[in-house]
Amino acid sequence: MAKHTAGPWEPFYYLGNRLTVRAGEIDLVEINYPSNKKEIGEANALLIAAAPELLEACVMARRVMLQSKEYTAEDEYTVNTVEQLTKAISRAEGAA
């Protein structure tokens, strides 16, 4: 399992059309965007900054679904949801 920098991660605005996502004093990623696409750059930074919480929520949701008495292999929607969560978790942890 890949270890990531502990959250919280926050967007930190930089110069012109560049911004970073930071964890404390650590710059995790720099995002460059065209000057006329500032909203897209900001949206990407917010999504990246939410990654630790999103990963934690996926792990918890998968655990709850698998432990649920209503979970059965016959419920295609639930099975697909668990598969999607598993793939996302694996990708975030470096296994995919």
Protein backbone atom coordinates (compact mmCIF):
# COMPACT_ATOMS: atom_id res chain seq x y z
CA MET A 1 0.00 0.00 0.00
CA ALA A 2 1.34 3.41 -0.96
CA LYS A 3 1.54 5.92 1.87
CA HIS A 4 0.37 9.43 1.15
CA THR A 5 1.08 12.64 3.00
CA ALA A 6 -1.38 13.05 5.83
CA GLY A 7 -4.16 15.60 5.40
CA PRO A 8 -5.59 18.03 5.53
CA TRP A 9 -4.62 19.16 2.07
CA GLU A 10 -5.49 22.70 1.06
CA PRO A 11 -5.39 24.67 -2.18
CA PHE A 12 -2.80 27.43 -1.88
CA TYR A 13 -2.89 30.16 -4.48
CA TYR A 14 0.40 31.04 -6.05
CA LEU A 15 1.41 33.37 -8.90
CA GLY A 16 -0.76 34.16 -11.88
CA ASN A 17 -2.15 31.02 -13.43
CA ARG A 18 -0.45 28.55 -11.09
CA LEU A 19 -1.60 27.22 -7.77
CA THR A 20 -0.48 24.48 -5.46
CA VAL A 21 -2.11 21.98 -3.18
CA ARG A 22 -0.33 21.88 0.16
CA ALA A 23 -0.21 19.78 3.29
CA GLY A 24 1.05 22.20 5.91
CA GLU A 25 4.28 23.61 4.49
CA ILE A 26 4.70 20.82 1.92
CA ASP A 27 3.75 21.58 -1.69
CA LEU A 28 2.17 18.38 -3.00
CA VAL A 29 1.26 19.40 -6.53
CA GLU A 30 1.40 22.47 -8.74
CA ILE A 31 -1.48 23.10 -11.11
CA ASN A 32 -1.04 25.30 -14.17
CA TYR A 33 -4.10 26.49 -16.02
CA PRO A 34 -4.80 28.94 -18.86
CA SER A 35 -5.61 32.41 -17.53
CA ASN A 36 -9.14 32.16 -18.96
CA LYS A 37 -9.77 28.81 -17.19
CA LYS A 38 -9.22 29.84 -13.56
CA GLU A 39 -12.44 28.10 -12.44
CA ILE A 40 -11.20 24.79 -13.84
CA GLY A 41 -7.82 25.15 -12.14
CA GLU A 42 -9.53 25.93 -8.83
CA ALA A 43 -11.97 23.02 -9.21
CA ASN A 44 -9.07 20.64 -9.91
CA ALA A 45 -7.19 21.92 -6.85
CA LEU A 46 -10.25 21.45 -4.63
CA LEU A 47 -10.75 17.90 -5.89
CA ILE A 48 -7.09 17.03 -5.31
CA ALA A 49 -7.20 18.64 -1.85
CA ALA A 50 -10.20 16.46 -0.94
CA ALA A 51 -8.37 13.23 -1.88
CA PRO A 52 -7.45 12.06 1.66
CA GLU A 53 -11.02 12.48 2.90
CA LEU A 54 -12.46 10.87 -0.23
CA LEU A 55 -10.18 7.86 0.17
CA GLU A 56 -11.17 7.49 3.82
CA ALA A 57 -14.87 7.75 2.89
CA CYS A 58 -14.47 5.07 0.19
CA VAL A 59 -12.76 2.69 2.62
CA MET A 60 -15.48 3.23 5.22
CA ALA A 61 -18.33 2.86 2.69
CA ARG A 62 -16.88 -0.36 1.31
CA ARG A 63 -16.47 -1.79 4.81
CA VAL A 64 -20.05 -0.89 5.76
CA MET A 65 -21.45 -2.38 2.56
CA LEU A 66 -19.53 -5.65 2.95
CA GLN A 67 -20.59 -6.00 6.58
CA SER A 68 -24.24 -5.21 5.86
CA LYS A 69 -26.73 -8.02 6.31
CA GLU A 70 -28.43 -6.80 3.13
CA TYR A 71 -25.30 -7.30 1.02
CA THR A 72 -25.69 -10.25 -1.33
CA ALA A 73 -23.99 -11.31 -4.52
CA GLU A 74 -27.41 -11.22 -6.20
CA ASP A 75 -27.75 -7.45 -5.77
CA GLU A 76 -26.04 -6.25 -8.95
CA TYR A 77 -26.08 -2.55 -7.97
CA THR A 78 -24.41 -3.22 -4.60
CA VAL A 79 -21.88 -5.61 -6.12
CA ASN A 80 -20.99 -3.02 -8.80
CA THR A 81 -20.69 -0.30 -6.16
CA VAL A 82 -18.35 -2.43 -4.03
CA GLU A 83 -16.28 -3.22 -7.13
CA GLN A 84 -16.03 0.49 -8.01
CA LEU A 85 -14.99 1.35 -4.45
CA THR A 86 -12.42 -1.45 -4.45
CA LYS A 87 -10.92 -0.24 -7.74
CA ALA A 88 -10.76 3.36 -6.55
CA ILE A 89 -9.15 2.37 -3.25
CA SER A 90 -6.63 0.13 -5.02
CA ARG A 91 -5.71 2.89 -7.44
CA ALA A 92 -5.27 5.42 -4.63
CA GLU A 93 -3.12 2.97 -2.68
CA GLY A 94 -0.91 2.18 -5.66
CA ALA A 95 -2.12 -1.37 -6.22
CA ALA A 96 -3.82 -0.72 -9.56
